[in-house]
Protein backbone atom coordinates (compact mmCIF):
# COMPACT_ATOMS: atom_id res chain seq x y z
CA UNK A 1 0.00 0.00 0.00
CA UNK A 2 1.48 3.36 -0.94
CA UNK A 3 1.92 6.00 1.72
CA UNK A 4 0.60 9.44 0.88
CA UNK A 5 1.47 12.60 2.70
CA UNK A 6 -1.07 13.43 5.39
CA UNK A 7 -1.15 17.03 4.14
CA UNK A 8 -2.22 15.98 0.64
CA UNK A 9 -4.94 13.72 2.06
CA UNK A 10 -6.15 16.54 4.28
CA UNK A 11 -6.14 18.94 1.33
CA UNK A 12 -8.11 16.46 -0.78
CA UNK A 13 -10.63 16.04 2.04
CA UNK A 14 -11.05 19.79 2.37
CA UNK A 15 -11.52 20.12 -1.40
CA UNK A 16 -14.22 17.43 -1.38
CA UNK A 17 -15.91 19.12 1.58
CA UNK A 18 -15.89 22.47 -0.23
CA UNK A 19 -17.21 20.88 -3.43
CA UNK A 20 -20.08 19.29 -1.50
CA UNK A 21 -20.82 22.58 0.26
CA UNK A 22 -20.87 24.50 -3.03
CA UNK A 23 -23.06 21.88 -4.69
CA UNK A 24 -25.44 22.03 -1.72
CA UNK A 25 -25.67 25.82 -1.99
CA UNK A 26 -26.36 25.56 -5.73
CA UNK A 27 -28.90 22.82 -5.06
CA UNK A 28 -30.69 25.06 -2.53
CA UNK A 29 -30.72 27.99 -4.93
CA UNK A 30 -32.16 25.84 -7.71
CA UNK A 31 -34.65 24.20 -5.36
CA UNK A 32 -36.07 27.47 -4.10
CA UNK A 33 -36.64 28.72 -7.65
CA UNK A 34 -38.88 27.20 -10.25
CA UNK A 35 -36.13 25.46 -12.20
CA UNK A 36 -36.46 22.12 -13.98
CA UNK A 37 -36.00 19.11 -11.71
CA UNK A 38 -33.31 17.66 -13.97
CA UNK A 39 -30.82 20.16 -12.51
CA UNK A 40 -31.46 18.79 -9.03
CA UNK A 41 -30.98 15.24 -10.30
CA UNK A 42 -27.64 16.14 -11.88
CA UNK A 43 -26.41 17.76 -8.66
CA UNK A 44 -27.58 14.77 -6.60
CA UNK A 45 -25.68 12.38 -8.89
CA UNK A 46 -22.53 14.52 -8.67
CA UNK A 47 -22.73 14.66 -4.88
CA UNK A 48 -23.34 10.93 -4.67
CA UNK A 49 -20.34 10.25 -6.90
CA UNK A 50 -18.10 12.40 -4.70
CA UNK A 51 -19.24 10.54 -1.58
CA UNK A 52 -18.75 7.14 -3.23
CA UNK A 53 -15.28 7.91 -4.52
CA UNK A 54 -13.85 9.81 -1.58
CA UNK A 55 -15.60 8.62 1.58
CA UNK A 56 -16.51 5.06 0.55
CA UNK A 57 -13.23 4.45 -1.37
CA UNK A 58 -15.01 2.65 -4.21
CA UNK A 59 -12.11 3.26 -6.60
CA UNK A 60 -9.77 1.32 -4.31
CA UNK A 61 -11.87 -1.85 -4.40
CA UNK A 62 -10.80 -4.68 -6.62
CA UNK A 63 -11.29 -8.42 -6.90
CA UNK A 64 -7.72 -9.11 -5.78
CA UNK A 65 -8.39 -7.81 -2.26
CA UNK A 66 -10.47 -10.81 -1.27
CA UNK A 67 -13.91 -9.26 -1.24
CA UNK A 68 -17.18 -10.99 -2.00
CA UNK A 69 -17.32 -12.99 -5.19
C-alpha atoms as a PDB file:
ATOM      1  CA  UNK A   1       0.000   0.000   0.000  1.00  0.00           C
ATOM      2  CA  UNK A   2       1.478   3.356  -0.942  1.00  0.00           C
ATOM      3  CA  UNK A   3       1.918   5.997   1.719  1.00  0.00           C
ATOM      4  CA  UNK A   4       0.604   9.445   0.881  1.00  0.00           C
ATOM      5  CA  UNK A   5       1.474  12.605   2.699  1.00  0.00           C
ATOM      6  CA  UNK A   6      -1.069  13.430   5.391  1.00  0.00           C
ATOM      7  CA  UNK A   7      -1.149  17.032   4.141  1.00  0.00           C
ATOM      8  CA  UNK A   8      -2.224  15.978   0.642  1.00  0.00           C
ATOM      9  CA  UNK A   9      -4.939  13.716   2.060  1.00  0.00           C
ATOM     10  CA  UNK A  10      -6.153  16.544   4.275  1.00  0.00           C
ATOM     11  CA  UNK A  11      -6.136  18.942   1.327  1.00  0.00           C
ATOM     12  CA  UNK A  12      -8.110  16.455  -0.775  1.00  0.00           C
ATOM     13  CA  UNK A  13     -10.634  16.041   2.035  1.00  0.00           C
ATOM     14  CA  UNK A  14     -11.053  19.791   2.368  1.00  0.00           C
ATOM     15  CA  UNK A  15     -11.521  20.125  -1.401  1.00  0.00           C
ATOM     16  CA  UNK A  16     -14.222  17.435  -1.380  1.00  0.00           C
ATOM     17  CA  UNK A  17     -15.913  19.124   1.576  1.00  0.00           C
ATOM     18  CA  UNK A  18     -15.888  22.467  -0.229  1.00  0.00           C
ATOM     19  CA  UNK A  19     -17.206  20.883  -3.426  1.00  0.00           C
ATOM     20  CA  UNK A  20     -20.080  19.286  -1.503  1.00  0.00           C
ATOM     21  CA  UNK A  21     -20.825  22.583   0.256  1.00  0.00           C
ATOM     22  CA  UNK A  22     -20.865  24.498  -3.030  1.00  0.00           C
ATOM     23  CA  UNK A  23     -23.057  21.878  -4.694  1.00  0.00           C
ATOM     24  CA  UNK A  24     -25.436  22.027  -1.725  1.00  0.00           C
ATOM     25  CA  UNK A  25     -25.672  25.821  -1.991  1.00  0.00           C
ATOM     26  CA  UNK A  26     -26.361  25.558  -5.725  1.00  0.00           C
ATOM     27  CA  UNK A  27     -28.903  22.824  -5.063  1.00  0.00           C
ATOM     28  CA  UNK A  28     -30.688  25.056  -2.525  1.00  0.00           C
ATOM     29  CA  UNK A  29     -30.725  27.995  -4.932  1.00  0.00           C
ATOM     30  CA  UNK A  30     -32.162  25.839  -7.708  1.00  0.00           C
ATOM     31  CA  UNK A  31     -34.654  24.197  -5.356  1.00  0.00           C
ATOM     32  CA  UNK A  32     -36.068  27.473  -4.099  1.00  0.00           C
ATOM     33  CA  UNK A  33     -36.637  28.724  -7.645  1.00  0.00           C
ATOM     34  CA  UNK A  34     -38.876  27.201 -10.247  1.00  0.00           C
ATOM     35  CA  UNK A  35     -36.126  25.462 -12.196  1.00  0.00           C
ATOM     36  CA  UNK A  36     -36.460  22.119 -13.985  1.00  0.00           C
ATOM     37  CA  UNK A  37     -36.003  19.115 -11.709  1.00  0.00           C
ATOM     38  CA  UNK A  38     -33.309  17.664 -13.973  1.00  0.00           C
ATOM     39  CA  UNK A  39     -30.822  20.157 -12.512  1.00  0.00           C
ATOM     40  CA  UNK A  40     -31.460  18.794  -9.030  1.00  0.00           C
ATOM     41  CA  UNK A  41     -30.976  15.241 -10.304  1.00  0.00           C
ATOM     42  CA  UNK A  42     -27.642  16.137 -11.877  1.00  0.00           C
ATOM     43  CA  UNK A  43     -26.415  17.764  -8.664  1.00  0.00           C
ATOM     44  CA  UNK A  44     -27.582  14.773  -6.604  1.00  0.00           C
ATOM     45  CA  UNK A  45     -25.682  12.384  -8.887  1.00  0.00           C
ATOM     46  CA  UNK A  46     -22.530  14.517  -8.672  1.00  0.00           C
ATOM     47  CA  UNK A  47     -22.727  14.664  -4.881  1.00  0.00           C
ATOM     48  CA  UNK A  48     -23.338  10.926  -4.668  1.00  0.00           C
ATOM     49  CA  UNK A  49     -20.344  10.252  -6.897  1.00  0.00           C
ATOM     50  CA  UNK A  50     -18.104  12.397  -4.698  1.00  0.00           C
ATOM     51  CA  UNK A  51     -19.237  10.541  -1.583  1.00  0.00           C
ATOM     52  CA  UNK A  52     -18.753   7.139  -3.233  1.00  0.00           C
ATOM     53  CA  UNK A  53     -15.275   7.908  -4.518  1.00  0.00           C
ATOM     54  CA  UNK A  54     -13.854   9.810  -1.578  1.00  0.00           C
ATOM     55  CA  UNK A  55     -15.603   8.623   1.583  1.00  0.00           C
ATOM     56  CA  UNK A  56     -16.507   5.061   0.548  1.00  0.00           C
ATOM     57  CA  UNK A  57     -13.232   4.454  -1.372  1.00  0.00           C
ATOM     58  CA  UNK A  58     -15.015   2.650  -4.210  1.00  0.00           C
ATOM     59  CA  UNK A  59     -12.113   3.260  -6.601  1.00  0.00           C
ATOM     60  CA  UNK A  60      -9.773   1.324  -4.305  1.00  0.00           C
ATOM     61  CA  UNK A  61     -11.870  -1.851  -4.400  1.00  0.00           C
ATOM     62  CA  UNK A  62     -10.798  -4.677  -6.624  1.00  0.00           C
ATOM     63  CA  UNK A  63     -11.288  -8.417  -6.904  1.00  0.00           C
ATOM     64  CA  UNK A  64      -7.724  -9.110  -5.779  1.00  0.00           C
ATOM     65  CA  UNK A  65      -8.388  -7.809  -2.259  1.00  0.00           C
ATOM     66  CA  UNK A  66     -10.468 -10.812  -1.270  1.00  0.00           C
ATOM     67  CA  UNK A  67     -13.913  -9.257  -1.235  1.00  0.00           C
ATOM     68  CA  UNK A  68     -17.179 -10.994  -2.000  1.00  0.00           C
ATOM     69  CA  UNK A  69     -17.319 -12.988  -5.189  1.00  0.00           C
END
